[in-house]
Protein backbone atom coordinates (compact mmCIF):
# COMPACT_ATOMS: atom_id res chain seq x y z
CA MET A 1 -9.34 117.85 66.33
CA ILE A 2 -8.70 114.09 67.08
CA THR A 3 -8.37 111.87 64.16
CA GLY A 4 -8.45 108.12 64.95
CA ARG A 5 -7.62 104.87 62.60
CA ARG A 6 -8.51 101.68 62.59
CA ASN A 7 -5.91 98.72 63.77
CA GLY A 8 -5.87 95.90 62.15
CA GLY A 9 -8.21 95.25 59.05
CA PRO A 10 -11.92 95.19 58.89
CA LEU A 11 -13.94 92.62 60.67
CA GLU A 12 -15.52 89.92 58.94
CA ASN A 13 -19.15 90.84 61.39
CA GLU A 14 -20.39 94.17 61.86
CA ALA A 15 -21.80 92.91 65.38
CA ASP A 16 -17.72 93.01 66.26
CA TYR A 17 -17.97 97.08 66.58
CA PHE A 18 -20.42 96.72 69.64
CA TYR A 19 -20.09 96.06 72.87
CA LEU A 20 -22.48 96.61 75.60
CA SER A 21 -22.17 99.35 77.84
CA PRO A 22 -21.65 98.18 81.34
CA ILE A 23 -23.06 100.91 82.86
CA CYS A 24 -26.38 101.49 81.39
CA GLY A 25 -26.36 98.45 78.83
CA GLN A 26 -26.74 100.42 75.71
CA PRO A 27 -24.34 99.23 72.70
CA VAL A 28 -21.94 101.16 71.92
CA ASP A 29 -20.45 101.46 68.40
CA MET A 30 -16.46 101.30 68.71
CA GLN A 31 -16.01 103.07 65.14
CA ASP A 32 -17.29 106.42 67.19
CA LEU A 33 -14.86 107.59 69.48
CA SER A 34 -17.62 109.82 71.03
CA GLN A 35 -19.80 107.16 71.81
CA VAL A 36 -16.73 105.07 73.73
CA MET A 37 -15.52 108.07 75.69
CA TRP A 38 -19.08 108.97 76.77
CA HIS A 39 -19.78 105.41 77.61
CA ASP A 40 -16.12 105.37 79.54
CA ARG A 41 -17.55 107.67 81.41
CA PRO A 42 -17.94 105.93 85.47
CA VAL A 43 -21.56 108.04 85.53
CA HIS A 44 -23.60 108.58 82.46
CA TYR A 45 -27.16 107.89 81.25
CA ARG A 46 -27.96 106.31 77.84
CA LEU A 47 -26.87 108.29 74.65
CA GLU A 48 -29.66 109.99 72.44
CA ILE A 49 -28.59 109.45 69.04
CA ASP A 50 -30.62 110.38 65.91
CA GLY A 51 -33.27 111.77 67.81
CA ARG A 52 -34.13 108.76 70.36
CA HIS A 53 -32.78 107.43 73.28
CA HIS A 54 -31.07 103.84 72.99
């Protein structure tokens, strides 16, 4: 198991935790390592989260 920890303090704006994947255009939550690693792949499709495609 890989345990991550935040570098620096919490951000003021919740939206600052997200970026858009340049490959599929899906918003990626940088607080979720599995999302970051998935969207770091050079070829991927939109990740299904909570039973629906984003």
